[in-house]
Amino acid sequence: MLNRAFTLLLLAITSVPAIAEKATTLTIYTHPSFAAEWGPGPAVKKAFEQTCDCQINYVVLNSGGDILQRLRLEGESTQADLVLGLDTATMETTRQTGLLANHETDLAALDLPIDWKDPVFVPYDWGYFAFVYDTEQLPNPPESLETLIAAPNDLKIIIQDPRTSTPGLGLLLWMRNVYGDQAPQKWQQLSGKILTTTKSWSDGYFSLFMNGEAPMILSYSTSPAYHMAVDKTDRYQAVEFKEGHYLQVEVAALVKPSDKKQLGRAFLDFMLSADFQRHIPLKNVMYPAADLGDELPAVFDQLIQPTEALYFDPKAVNENRRKWLNEWLDAMTR
């Protein structure tokens, strides 16, 4: 009897850490640019953990598309409490998994170019897709999609694959928004100028563009902010296109099977606070989703300011994405 009592006591004691860890660890599926040492993730983790008796555990996947696929594969058994790193091009497909819960977050602090009332997804940053160019290689870049498409084929650009890359999908939507049903023909005209189509943004930007392989790359209008603030150079700039620029909003959402919904909703509330948002401009190199006032780095005043935000409703993207991808593939292989 004494041995049995001792055994039960020992089991109770040894099970406490496991129970405590399960109750206080918030698991967030995200992508490398957020969770990396140079990204906002580490600073956000430290700041949030100071507000709660909890720990953040980042599960790092390759992209927003991989976050969606992992969630689909795991279904109701997923270990995720939150997903962070989806965007307006992937959020509707993710919503349709049925694995997300309403956020219940007060969105009054949001400061976006579009009105946002979505009950499931909470934005944490935004930006415009743009072509960044090397001013030393290309002092007079094309100033519109049309002039880029019509440029001689000796002008070489780097883009990303829309099947694997968020910016790549952004360019697909940008072209479709501007040209509609004429987009496949415009892709054919553009194809002669494409030096390469990389799997990810980082593959093209750091490995090729920054090594001078091409004078122009698909990126973000905010990319020059990093070079100006951190690298102390204005060599790399974004060119403003006359047709306007396609808008991207990055979002997070609460996972329905999570048993830590209260903590997850606390994180989503925290996401719109200055303690989170101040890490976005120079660590995620995007615009913060909430107004930072004087905390916004001064270099952001030197960026291009597109006069028109081009945008498809996420439902339209979800309904047409496969068709538009097939059109792009067909145009690129002709």
C-alpha atoms as a PDB file:
ATOM      1  CA  MET A   1       0.000   0.000   0.000  1.00  0.00           C
ATOM      2  CA  LEU A   2       2.822   2.368   0.911  1.00  0.00           C
ATOM      3  CA  ASN A   3       4.635   1.558  -2.338  1.00  0.00           C
ATOM      4  CA  ARG A   4       1.442   2.221  -4.346  1.00  0.00           C
ATOM      5  CA  ALA A   5       0.908   5.567  -2.621  1.00  0.00           C
ATOM      6  CA  PHE A   6       4.519   6.537  -3.264  1.00  0.00           C
ATOM      7  CA  THR A   7       4.184   5.572  -6.927  1.00  0.00           C
ATOM      8  CA  LEU A   8       1.022   7.665  -7.353  1.00  0.00           C
ATOM      9  CA  LEU A   9       2.718  10.638  -5.699  1.00  0.00           C
ATOM     10  CA  LEU A  10       5.751  10.270  -7.955  1.00  0.00           C
ATOM     11  CA  LEU A  11       3.559  10.131 -11.058  1.00  0.00           C
ATOM     12  CA  ALA A  12       1.705  13.252  -9.954  1.00  0.00           C
ATOM     13  CA  ILE A  13       4.924  15.152  -9.380  1.00  0.00           C
ATOM     14  CA  THR A  14       6.558  14.126 -12.661  1.00  0.00           C
ATOM     15  CA  SER A  15       3.447  14.941 -14.701  1.00  0.00           C
ATOM     16  CA  VAL A  16       3.273  18.573 -13.516  1.00  0.00           C
ATOM     17  CA  PRO A  17       5.920  19.991 -15.889  1.00  0.00           C
ATOM     18  CA  ALA A  18       4.280  18.369 -18.917  1.00  0.00           C
ATOM     19  CA  ILE A  19       0.866  19.723 -17.964  1.00  0.00           C
ATOM     20  CA  ALA A  20       2.287  23.168 -17.248  1.00  0.00           C
ATOM     21  CA  GLU A  21       4.159  23.231 -20.547  1.00  0.00           C
ATOM     22  CA  LYS A  22       1.039  22.248 -22.465  1.00  0.00           C
ATOM     23  CA  ALA A  23      -1.009  24.939 -20.731  1.00  0.00           C
ATOM     24  CA  THR A  24       1.458  27.792 -21.227  1.00  0.00           C
ATOM     25  CA  THR A  25       3.156  27.190 -24.584  1.00  0.00           C
ATOM     26  CA  LEU A  26       1.592  28.991 -27.540  1.00  0.00           C
ATOM     27  CA  THR A  27       2.555  27.234 -30.774  1.00  0.00           C
ATOM     28  CA  ILE A  28       2.637  29.486 -33.842  1.00  0.00           C
ATOM     29  CA  TYR A  29       3.126  28.193 -37.381  1.00  0.00           C
ATOM     30  CA  THR A  30       5.010  30.841 -39.335  1.00  0.00           C
ATOM     31  CA  HIS A  31       7.630  31.305 -42.070  1.00  0.00           C
ATOM     32  CA  PRO A  32      11.422  31.944 -41.957  1.00  0.00           C
ATOM     33  CA  SER A  33      11.413  35.696 -42.595  1.00  0.00           C
ATOM     34  CA  PHE A  34       9.301  36.237 -39.471  1.00  0.00           C
ATOM     35  CA  ALA A  35      10.982  33.781 -37.103  1.00  0.00           C
ATOM     36  CA  ALA A  36      14.596  34.272 -38.255  1.00  0.00           C
ATOM     37  CA  GLU A  37      17.142  35.884 -35.960  1.00  0.00           C
ATOM     38  CA  TRP A  38      17.044  39.015 -38.117  1.00  0.00           C
ATOM     39  CA  GLY A  39      13.232  38.996 -38.376  1.00  0.00           C
ATOM     40  CA  PRO A  40      10.649  40.378 -35.924  1.00  0.00           C
ATOM     41  CA  GLY A  41       9.877  36.981 -34.359  1.00  0.00           C
ATOM     42  CA  PRO A  42      12.515  36.887 -31.588  1.00  0.00           C
ATOM     43  CA  ALA A  43      11.732  40.433 -30.392  1.00  0.00           C
ATOM     44  CA  VAL A  44       7.980  39.759 -30.561  1.00  0.00           C
ATOM     45  CA  LYS A  45       8.437  36.542 -28.567  1.00  0.00           C
ATOM     46  CA  LYS A  46      10.365  38.353 -25.838  1.00  0.00           C
ATOM     47  CA  ALA A  47       7.873  41.224 -25.650  1.00  0.00           C
ATOM     48  CA  PHE A  48       4.784  38.993 -25.483  1.00  0.00           C
ATOM     49  CA  GLU A  49       6.251  36.578 -22.951  1.00  0.00           C
ATOM     50  CA  GLN A  50       6.745  39.558 -20.626  1.00  0.00           C
ATOM     51  CA  THR A  51       2.968  40.105 -20.653  1.00  0.00           C
ATOM     52  CA  CYS A  52       1.948  36.546 -19.773  1.00  0.00           C
ATOM     53  CA  ASP A  53       2.950  33.425 -17.882  1.00  0.00           C
ATOM     54  CA  CYS A  54       3.634  31.643 -21.164  1.00  0.00           C
ATOM     55  CA  GLN A  55       6.129  30.749 -23.853  1.00  0.00           C
ATOM     56  CA  ILE A  56       5.941  31.119 -27.629  1.00  0.00           C
ATOM     57  CA  ASN A  57       7.062  28.217 -29.779  1.00  0.00           C
ATOM     58  CA  TYR A  58       7.556  29.022 -33.470  1.00  0.00           C
ATOM     59  CA  VAL A  59       7.173  26.139 -35.920  1.00  0.00           C
ATOM     60  CA  VAL A  60       8.925  27.448 -39.025  1.00  0.00           C
ATOM     61  CA  LEU A  61       7.641  26.381 -42.438  1.00  0.00           C
ATOM     62  CA  ASN A  62       8.956  27.499 -45.821  1.00  0.00           C
ATOM     63  CA  SER A  63       6.148  29.856 -46.842  1.00  0.00           C
ATOM     64  CA  GLY A  64       2.553  30.899 -46.316  1.00  0.00           C
ATOM     65  CA  GLY A  65       1.566  28.169 -48.779  1.00  0.00           C
ATOM     66  CA  ASP A  66       3.375  25.590 -46.655  1.00  0.00           C
ATOM     67  CA  ILE A  67       1.546  26.817 -43.551  1.00  0.00           C
ATOM     68  CA  LEU A  68      -1.736  26.178 -45.376  1.00  0.00           C
ATOM     69  CA  GLN A  69      -0.646  22.721 -46.539  1.00  0.00           C
ATOM     70  CA  ARG A  70       0.578  21.704 -43.072  1.00  0.00           C
ATOM     71  CA  LEU A  71      -2.729  22.800 -41.565  1.00  0.00           C
ATOM     72  CA  ARG A  72      -4.642  20.815 -44.180  1.00  0.00           C
ATOM     73  CA  LEU A  73      -2.587  17.672 -43.595  1.00  0.00           C
ATOM     74  CA  GLU A  74      -2.872  17.790 -39.809  1.00  0.00           C
ATOM     75  CA  GLY A  75      -6.546  18.734 -39.681  1.00  0.00           C
ATOM     76  CA  GLU A  76      -8.162  18.592 -36.252  1.00  0.00           C
ATOM     77  CA  SER A  77      -4.994  17.042 -34.785  1.00  0.00           C
ATOM     78  CA  THR A  78      -2.829  20.074 -35.587  1.00  0.00           C
ATOM     79  CA  GLN A  79      -0.467  21.301 -32.887  1.00  0.00           C
ATOM     80  CA  ALA A  80      -0.847  24.921 -34.026  1.00  0.00           C
ATOM     81  CA  ASP A  81      -2.588  27.448 -31.822  1.00  0.00           C
ATOM     82  CA  LEU A  82      -2.044  30.294 -34.294  1.00  0.00           C
ATOM     83  CA  VAL A  83      -0.970  30.641 -37.916  1.00  0.00           C
ATOM     84  CA  LEU A  84       0.996  33.769 -38.830  1.00  0.00           C
ATOM     85  CA  GLY A  85       2.298  34.473 -42.317  1.00  0.00           C
ATOM     86  CA  LEU A  86      -0.697  33.969 -44.586  1.00  0.00           C
ATOM     87  CA  ASP A  87      -1.777  36.848 -46.793  1.00  0.00           C
ATOM     88  CA  THR A  88      -4.706  38.129 -48.827  1.00  0.00           C
ATOM     89  CA  ALA A  89      -3.889  35.720 -51.668  1.00  0.00           C
ATOM     90  CA  THR A  90      -4.008  32.584 -49.501  1.00  0.00           C
ATOM     91  CA  MET A  91      -6.376  33.445 -46.649  1.00  0.00           C
ATOM     92  CA  GLU A  92      -9.649  32.460 -48.351  1.00  0.00           C
ATOM     93  CA  THR A  93      -8.342  28.992 -49.199  1.00  0.00           C
ATOM     94  CA  THR A  94      -7.201  28.640 -45.590  1.00  0.00           C
ATOM     95  CA  ARG A  95     -10.575  29.804 -44.287  1.00  0.00           C
ATOM     96  CA  GLN A  96     -12.272  27.047 -46.253  1.00  0.00           C
ATOM     97  CA  THR A  97     -10.407  24.356 -44.310  1.00  0.00           C
ATOM     98  CA  GLY A  98     -12.830  25.054 -41.455  1.00  0.00           C
ATOM     99  CA  LEU A  99      -9.881  24.955 -39.043  1.00  0.00           C
ATOM    100  CA  LEU A 100      -9.885  28.623 -38.034  1.00  0.00           C
ATOM    101  CA  ALA A 101     -11.818  30.428 -35.291  1.00  0.00           C
ATOM    102  CA  ASN A 102     -13.059  34.007 -35.068  1.00  0.00           C
ATOM    103  CA  HIS A 103     -10.480  36.349 -33.552  1.00  0.00           C
ATOM    104  CA  GLU A 104     -12.747  38.687 -31.474  1.00  0.00           C
ATOM    105  CA  THR A 105     -10.009  41.342 -31.760  1.00  0.00           C
ATOM    106  CA  ASP A 106     -10.822  45.051 -31.745  1.00  0.00           C
ATOM    107  CA  LEU A 107      -9.639  46.203 -35.187  1.00  0.00           C
ATOM    108  CA  ALA A 108      -9.977  49.923 -34.494  1.00  0.00           C
ATOM    109  CA  ALA A 109      -6.187  50.378 -34.392  1.00  0.00           C
ATOM    110  CA  LEU A 110      -5.719  49.146 -37.968  1.00  0.00           C
ATOM    111  CA  ASP A 111      -4.227  51.603 -40.452  1.00  0.00           C
ATOM    112  CA  LEU A 112      -4.422  50.001 -43.917  1.00  0.00           C
ATOM    113  CA  PRO A 113      -5.041  51.300 -47.455  1.00  0.00           C
ATOM    114  CA  ILE A 114      -8.267  49.239 -47.518  1.00  0.00           C
ATOM    115  CA  ASP A 115     -11.152  48.795 -45.109  1.00  0.00           C
ATOM    116  CA  TRP A 116     -10.776  45.611 -43.029  1.00  0.00           C
ATOM    117  CA  LYS A 117     -13.600  43.884 -41.156  1.00  0.00           C
ATOM    118  CA  ASP A 118     -12.705  40.213 -41.505  1.00  0.00           C
ATOM    119  CA  PRO A 119     -13.858  38.175 -38.461  1.00  0.00           C
ATOM    120  CA  VAL A 120     -11.140  35.496 -38.797  1.00  0.00           C
ATOM    121  CA  PHE A 121      -7.904  37.142 -39.984  1.00  0.00           C
ATOM    122  CA  VAL A 122      -6.007  39.912 -38.198  1.00  0.00           C
ATOM    123  CA  PRO A 123      -3.469  41.901 -40.279  1.00  0.00           C
ATOM    124  CA  TYR A 124      -0.013  42.523 -38.849  1.00  0.00           C
ATOM    125  CA  ASP A 125       1.667  44.304 -41.786  1.00  0.00           C
ATOM    126  CA  TRP A 126       1.160  45.352 -45.392  1.00  0.00           C
ATOM    127  CA  GLY A 127       3.057  46.520 -48.441  1.00  0.00           C
ATOM    128  CA  TYR A 128       3.071  46.928 -52.204  1.00  0.00           C
ATOM    129  CA  PHE A 129       4.766  44.632 -54.685  1.00  0.00           C
ATOM    130  CA  ALA A 130       7.253  46.567 -56.778  1.00  0.00           C
ATOM    131  CA  PHE A 131      10.293  46.160 -58.984  1.00  0.00           C
ATOM    132  CA  VAL A 132      13.484  47.109 -57.193  1.00  0.00           C
ATOM    133  CA  TYR A 133      16.387  48.186 -59.387  1.00  0.00           C
ATOM    134  CA  ASP A 134      20.104  48.777 -59.056  1.00  0.00           C
ATOM    135  CA  THR A 135      20.630  52.460 -59.831  1.00  0.00           C
ATOM    136  CA  GLU A 136      24.252  51.806 -60.829  1.00  0.00           C
ATOM    137  CA  GLN A 137      23.274  49.215 -63.436  1.00  0.00           C
ATOM    138  CA  LEU A 138      19.985  50.771 -64.557  1.00  0.00           C
ATOM    139  CA  PRO A 139      19.829  54.542 -64.062  1.00  0.00           C
ATOM    140  CA  ASN A 140      16.610  54.904 -66.132  1.00  0.00           C
ATOM    141  CA  PRO A 141      14.275  51.999 -65.322  1.00  0.00           C
ATOM    142  CA  PRO A 142      10.887  51.419 -66.975  1.00  0.00           C
ATOM    143  CA  GLU A 143       8.211  53.425 -65.163  1.00  0.00           C
ATOM    144  CA  SER A 144       5.186  51.259 -65.899  1.00  0.00           C
ATOM    145  CA  LEU A 145       4.274  47.638 -66.458  1.00  0.00           C
ATOM    146  CA  GLU A 146       3.614  48.486 -70.089  1.00  0.00           C
ATOM    147  CA  THR A 147       7.063  49.982 -70.715  1.00  0.00           C
ATOM    148  CA  LEU A 148       8.700  47.066 -68.886  1.00  0.00           C
ATOM    149  CA  ILE A 149       6.831  44.574 -71.073  1.00  0.00           C
ATOM    150  CA  ALA A 150       7.724  46.538 -74.224  1.00  0.00           C
ATOM    151  CA  ALA A 151      11.391  47.007 -73.289  1.00  0.00           C
ATOM    152  CA  PRO A 152      14.134  45.310 -75.343  1.00  0.00           C
ATOM    153  CA  ASN A 153      14.898  41.753 -74.272  1.00  0.00           C
ATOM    154  CA  ASP A 154      18.431  42.726 -73.239  1.00  0.00           C
ATOM    155  CA  LEU A 155      16.858  44.235 -70.104  1.00  0.00           C
ATOM    156  CA  LYS A 156      16.848  41.294 -67.701  1.00  0.00           C
ATOM    157  CA  ILE A 157      14.669  40.916 -64.628  1.00  0.00           C
ATOM    158  CA  ILE A 158      14.294  38.325 -61.876  1.00  0.00           C
ATOM    159  CA  ILE A 159      10.858  37.186 -60.745  1.00  0.00           C
ATOM    160  CA  GLN A 160       9.562  34.458 -58.442  1.00  0.00           C
ATOM    161  CA  ASP A 161       7.405  31.420 -59.128  1.00  0.00           C
ATOM    162  CA  PRO A 162       3.729  32.135 -58.255  1.00  0.00           C
ATOM    163  CA  ARG A 163       3.268  28.497 -57.216  1.00  0.00           C
ATOM    164  CA  THR A 164       5.871  28.713 -54.457  1.00  0.00           C
ATOM    165  CA  SER A 165       6.435  32.405 -53.703  1.00  0.00           C
ATOM    166  CA  THR A 166       4.175  35.098 -52.269  1.00  0.00           C
ATOM    167  CA  PRO A 167       5.704  37.895 -54.395  1.00  0.00           C
ATOM    168  CA  GLY A 168       5.499  35.618 -57.425  1.00  0.00           C
ATOM    169  CA  LEU A 169       1.781  35.159 -56.849  1.00  0.00           C
ATOM    170  CA  GLY A 170       1.551  38.900 -56.237  1.00  0.00           C
ATOM    171  CA  LEU A 171       2.939  39.641 -59.710  1.00  0.00           C
ATOM    172  CA  LEU A 172       0.485  37.156 -61.225  1.00  0.00           C
ATOM    173  CA  LEU A 173      -2.395  39.032 -59.558  1.00  0.00           C
ATOM    174  CA  TRP A 174      -0.884  42.408 -60.463  1.00  0.00           C
ATOM    175  CA  MET A 175      -0.700  41.478 -64.158  1.00  0.00           C
ATOM    176  CA  ARG A 176      -4.213  40.061 -64.087  1.00  0.00           C
ATOM    177  CA  ASN A 177      -5.596  43.139 -62.321  1.00  0.00           C
ATOM    178  CA  VAL A 178      -4.094  45.487 -64.913  1.00  0.00           C
ATOM    179  CA  TYR A 179      -4.579  43.447 -68.094  1.00  0.00           C
ATOM    180  CA  GLY A 180      -7.521  41.132 -67.386  1.00  0.00           C
ATOM    181  CA  ASP A 181      -7.973  38.539 -70.114  1.00  0.00           C
ATOM    182  CA  GLN A 182      -4.993  40.007 -71.998  1.00  0.00           C
ATOM    183  CA  ALA A 183      -2.615  38.932 -69.192  1.00  0.00           C
ATOM    184  CA  PRO A 184      -1.452  35.690 -70.916  1.00  0.00           C
ATOM    185  CA  GLN A 185      -0.327  37.635 -73.999  1.00  0.00           C
ATOM    186  CA  LYS A 186       1.458  40.178 -71.813  1.00  0.00           C
ATOM    187  CA  TRP A 187       3.258  37.343 -69.988  1.00  0.00           C
ATOM    188  CA  GLN A 188       4.482  36.019 -73.333  1.00  0.00           C
ATOM    189  CA  GLN A 189       5.878  39.448 -74.193  1.00  0.00           C
ATOM    190  CA  LEU A 190       7.531  39.743 -70.778  1.00  0.00           C
ATOM    191  CA  SER A 191       9.054  36.263 -70.854  1.00  0.00           C
ATOM    192  CA  GLY A 192      12.023  37.273 -73.016  1.00  0.00           C
ATOM    193  CA  LYS A 193      13.190  39.665 -70.316  1.00  0.00           C
ATOM    194  CA  ILE A 194      13.017  37.159 -67.463  1.00  0.00           C
ATOM    195  CA  LEU A 195      16.551  36.040 -66.576  1.00  0.00           C
ATOM    196  CA  THR A 196      15.228  33.446 -64.154  1.00  0.00           C
ATOM    197  CA  THR A 197      12.182  32.542 -62.070  1.00  0.00           C
ATOM    198  CA  THR A 198      13.280  31.581 -58.569  1.00  0.00           C
ATOM    199  CA  LYS A 199      11.444  29.380 -56.084  1.00  0.00           C
ATOM    200  CA  SER A 200      11.551  32.005 -53.336  1.00  0.00           C
ATOM    201  CA  TRP A 201      12.117  35.728 -52.939  1.00  0.00           C
ATOM    202  CA  SER A 202      15.337  35.242 -50.949  1.00  0.00           C
ATOM    203  CA  ASP A 203      16.812  32.946 -53.619  1.00  0.00           C
ATOM    204  CA  GLY A 204      16.513  35.718 -56.170  1.00  0.00           C
ATOM    205  CA  TYR A 205      17.193  38.762 -54.033  1.00  0.00           C
ATOM    206  CA  PHE A 206      20.259  37.771 -52.054  1.00  0.00           C
ATOM    207  CA  SER A 207      21.834  35.143 -54.295  1.00  0.00           C
ATOM    208  CA  LEU A 208      21.298  36.837 -57.663  1.00  0.00           C
ATOM    209  CA  PHE A 209      20.147  40.467 -57.555  1.00  0.00           C
ATOM    210  CA  MET A 210      22.532  41.584 -54.817  1.00  0.00           C
ATOM    211  CA  ASN A 211      25.366  39.887 -56.725  1.00  0.00           C
ATOM    212  CA  GLY A 212      24.621  41.909 -59.853  1.00  0.00           C
ATOM    213  CA  GLU A 213      23.136  39.103 -61.972  1.00  0.00           C
ATOM    214  CA  ALA A 214      20.254  41.344 -63.111  1.00  0.00           C
ATOM    215  CA  PRO A 215      19.509  45.045 -62.621  1.00  0.00           C
ATOM    216  CA  MET A 216      15.850  44.569 -61.634  1.00  0.00           C
ATOM    217  CA  ILE A 217      13.895  42.179 -59.407  1.00  0.00           C
ATOM    218  CA  LEU A 218      10.332  41.701 -58.254  1.00  0.00           C
ATOM    219  CA  SER A 219      10.208  42.649 -54.569  1.00  0.00           C
ATOM    220  CA  TYR A 220       8.435  45.230 -52.406  1.00  0.00           C
ATOM    221  CA  SER A 221       8.197  49.011 -52.427  1.00  0.00           C
ATOM    222  CA  THR A 222       9.559  48.886 -48.871  1.00  0.00           C
ATOM    223  CA  SER A 223      12.739  46.930 -49.714  1.00  0.00           C
ATOM    224  CA  PRO A 224      14.852  50.106 -50.165  1.00  0.00           C
ATOM    225  CA  ALA A 225      14.057  51.101 -46.563  1.00  0.00           C
ATOM    226  CA  TYR A 226      16.288  48.298 -45.289  1.00  0.00           C
ATOM    227  CA  HIS A 227      19.156  49.249 -47.571  1.00  0.00           C
ATOM    228  CA  MET A 228      18.918  52.916 -46.585  1.00  0.00           C
ATOM    229  CA  ALA A 229      18.517  52.346 -42.838  1.00  0.00           C
ATOM    230  CA  VAL A 230      20.766  49.316 -42.292  1.00  0.00           C
ATOM    231  CA  ASP A 231      23.168  49.149 -45.250  1.00  0.00           C
ATOM    232  CA  LYS A 232      23.423  52.953 -45.380  1.00  0.00           C
ATOM    233  CA  THR A 233      23.035  53.047 -49.152  1.00  0.00           C
ATOM    234  CA  ASP A 234      20.401  54.410 -51.526  1.00  0.00           C
ATOM    235  CA  ARG A 235      21.733  52.363 -54.439  1.00  0.00           C
ATOM    236  CA  TYR A 236      18.687  50.069 -54.529  1.00  0.00           C
ATOM    237  CA  GLN A 237      15.351  51.733 -55.181  1.00  0.00           C
ATOM    238  CA  ALA A 238      11.802  50.775 -56.166  1.00  0.00           C
ATOM    239  CA  VAL A 239      10.285  52.270 -59.286  1.00  0.00           C
ATOM    240  CA  GLU A 240       6.727  53.592 -59.171  1.00  0.00           C
ATOM    241  CA  PHE A 241       4.575  52.169 -61.952  1.00  0.00           C
ATOM    242  CA  LYS A 242       1.899  54.351 -63.520  1.00  0.00           C
ATOM    243  CA  GLU A 243      -0.739  51.588 -63.452  1.00  0.00           C
ATOM    244  CA  GLY A 244      -0.541  51.318 -59.662  1.00  0.00           C
ATOM    245  CA  HIS A 245       0.877  48.586 -57.418  1.00  0.00           C
ATOM    246  CA  TYR A 246      -0.653  45.388 -56.104  1.00  0.00           C
ATOM    247  CA  LEU A 247      -1.334  45.387 -52.367  1.00  0.00           C
ATOM    248  CA  GLN A 248      -0.385  42.599 -49.982  1.00  0.00           C
ATOM    249  CA  VAL A 249      -1.715  42.347 -46.417  1.00  0.00           C
ATOM    250  CA  GLU A 250      -0.124  39.704 -44.161  1.00  0.00           C
ATOM    251  CA  VAL A 251      -2.358  38.121 -41.542  1.00  0.00           C
ATOM    252  CA  ALA A 252      -2.578  35.805 -38.553  1.00  0.00           C
ATOM    253  CA  ALA A 253      -5.462  33.658 -37.336  1.00  0.00           C
ATOM    254  CA  LEU A 254      -6.518  31.515 -34.390  1.00  0.00           C
ATOM    255  CA  VAL A 255      -6.720  27.753 -34.979  1.00  0.00           C
ATOM    256  CA  LYS A 256     -10.078  26.254 -33.978  1.00  0.00           C
ATOM    257  CA  PRO A 257      -8.829  22.957 -32.426  1.00  0.00           C
ATOM    258  CA  SER A 258      -6.461  24.871 -30.105  1.00  0.00           C
ATOM    259  CA  ASP A 259      -7.087  24.488 -26.366  1.00  0.00           C
ATOM    260  CA  LYS A 260      -5.376  27.840 -25.752  1.00  0.00           C
ATOM    261  CA  LYS A 261      -7.831  30.155 -27.461  1.00  0.00           C
ATOM    262  CA  GLN A 262      -7.766  32.734 -24.661  1.00  0.00           C
ATOM    263  CA  LEU A 263      -3.987  33.002 -24.896  1.00  0.00           C
ATOM    264  CA  GLY A 264      -4.157  32.995 -28.692  1.00  0.00           C
ATOM    265  CA  ARG A 265      -6.648  35.864 -28.700  1.00  0.00           C
ATOM    266  CA  ALA A 266      -4.409  37.745 -26.260  1.00  0.00           C
ATOM    267  CA  PHE A 267      -1.572  37.397 -28.785  1.00  0.00           C
ATOM    268  CA  LEU A 268      -3.769  38.686 -31.627  1.00  0.00           C
ATOM    269  CA  ASP A 269      -4.689  41.705 -29.475  1.00  0.00           C
ATOM    270  CA  PHE A 270      -0.996  42.218 -28.690  1.00  0.00           C
ATOM    271  CA  MET A 271      -0.203  42.027 -32.404  1.00  0.00           C
ATOM    272  CA  LEU A 272      -1.825  45.427 -32.989  1.00  0.00           C
ATOM    273  CA  SER A 273       0.063  47.082 -30.123  1.00  0.00           C
ATOM    274  CA  ALA A 274       3.192  49.201 -30.509  1.00  0.00           C
ATOM    275  CA  ASP A 275       5.221  46.526 -28.685  1.00  0.00           C
ATOM    276  CA  PHE A 276       4.641  44.225 -31.674  1.00  0.00           C
ATOM    277  CA  GLN A 277       4.272  46.716 -34.506  1.00  0.00           C
ATOM    278  CA  ARG A 278       7.525  48.591 -33.861  1.00  0.00           C
ATOM    279  CA  HIS A 279       9.441  45.490 -34.932  1.00  0.00           C
ATOM    280  CA  ILE A 280       7.782  45.330 -38.370  1.00  0.00           C
ATOM    281  CA  PRO A 281       9.310  48.219 -40.396  1.00  0.00           C
ATOM    282  CA  LEU A 282      12.988  47.258 -40.355  1.00  0.00           C
ATOM    283  CA  LYS A 283      12.775  43.575 -39.366  1.00  0.00           C
ATOM    284  CA  ASN A 284       9.960  42.485 -41.685  1.00  0.00           C
ATOM    285  CA  VAL A 285      10.609  45.502 -43.942  1.00  0.00           C
ATOM    286  CA  MET A 286       6.918  46.208 -44.403  1.00  0.00           C
ATOM    287  CA  TYR A 287       4.470  48.869 -43.273  1.00  0.00           C
ATOM    288  CA  PRO A 288       3.048  48.279 -39.780  1.00  0.00           C
ATOM    289  CA  ALA A 289      -0.654  47.441 -39.646  1.00  0.00           C
ATOM    290  CA  ALA A 290      -1.201  50.063 -36.920  1.00  0.00           C
ATOM    291  CA  ASP A 291      -0.018  53.663 -36.931  1.00  0.00           C
ATOM    292  CA  LEU A 292       3.350  53.978 -35.177  1.00  0.00           C
ATOM    293  CA  GLY A 293       3.455  57.757 -35.406  1.00  0.00           C
ATOM    294  CA  ASP A 294       6.979  59.076 -34.807  1.00  0.00           C
ATOM    295  CA  GLU A 295       8.262  55.530 -34.285  1.00  0.00           C
ATOM    296  CA  LEU A 296       8.031  54.774 -38.000  1.00  0.00           C
ATOM    297  CA  PRO A 297      11.629  54.987 -39.290  1.00  0.00           C
ATOM    298  CA  ALA A 298      12.311  58.180 -41.248  1.00  0.00           C
ATOM    299  CA  VAL A 299      13.481  56.227 -44.322  1.00  0.00           C
ATOM    300  CA  PHE A 300       9.869  55.228 -44.972  1.00  0.00           C
ATOM    301  CA  ASP A 301       9.225  58.852 -45.960  1.00  0.00           C
ATOM    302  CA  GLN A 302      11.676  58.345 -48.846  1.00  0.00           C
ATOM    303  CA  LEU A 303       9.829  55.387 -50.384  1.00  0.00           C
ATOM    304  CA  ILE A 304       7.606  55.533 -53.436  1.00  0.00           C
ATOM    305  CA  GLN A 305       3.955  56.226 -52.627  1.00  0.00           C
ATOM    306  CA  PRO A 306       1.744  54.408 -55.159  1.00  0.00           C
ATOM    307  CA  THR A 307      -1.281  56.463 -56.125  1.00  0.00           C
ATOM    308  CA  GLU A 308      -3.462  53.385 -56.563  1.00  0.00           C
ATOM    309  CA  ALA A 309      -3.639  50.204 -54.496  1.00  0.00           C
ATOM    310  CA  LEU A 310      -4.553  47.341 -56.840  1.00  0.00           C
ATOM    311  CA  TYR A 311      -6.379  44.525 -55.089  1.00  0.00           C
ATOM    312  CA  PHE A 312      -8.577  41.481 -55.688  1.00  0.00           C
ATOM    313  CA  ASP A 313     -11.084  40.331 -53.098  1.00  0.00           C
ATOM    314  CA  PRO A 314      -9.640  37.140 -51.524  1.00  0.00           C
ATOM    315  CA  LYS A 315     -12.701  35.192 -52.695  1.00  0.00           C
ATOM    316  CA  ALA A 316     -11.954  36.140 -56.310  1.00  0.00           C
ATOM    317  CA  VAL A 317      -8.351  34.967 -55.879  1.00  0.00           C
ATOM    318  CA  ASN A 318      -9.521  31.652 -54.437  1.00  0.00           C
ATOM    319  CA  GLU A 319     -12.000  31.098 -57.271  1.00  0.00           C
ATOM    320  CA  ASN A 320      -9.575  31.944 -60.086  1.00  0.00           C
ATOM    321  CA  ARG A 321      -6.128  31.088 -58.769  1.00  0.00           C
ATOM    322  CA  ARG A 322      -5.775  27.698 -60.473  1.00  0.00           C
ATOM    323  CA  LYS A 323      -7.012  29.064 -63.814  1.00  0.00           C
ATOM    324  CA  TRP A 324      -4.674  32.065 -63.688  1.00  0.00           C
ATOM    325  CA  LEU A 325      -1.718  29.856 -62.721  1.00  0.00           C
ATOM    326  CA  ASN A 326      -2.425  27.556 -65.663  1.00  0.00           C
ATOM    327  CA  GLU A 327      -2.564  30.555 -67.999  1.00  0.00           C
ATOM    328  CA  TRP A 328       0.805  31.728 -66.660  1.00  0.00           C
ATOM    329  CA  LEU A 329       2.367  28.278 -67.094  1.00  0.00           C
ATOM    330  CA  ASP A 330       1.076  28.036 -70.647  1.00  0.00           C
ATOM    331  CA  ALA A 331       2.392  31.506 -71.510  1.00  0.00           C
ATOM    332  CA  MET A 332       5.827  30.776 -70.033  1.00  0.00           C
ATOM    333  CA  THR A 333       6.251  27.541 -71.981  1.00  0.00           C
ATOM    334  CA  ARG A 334       5.295  28.840 -75.429  1.00  0.00           C
END
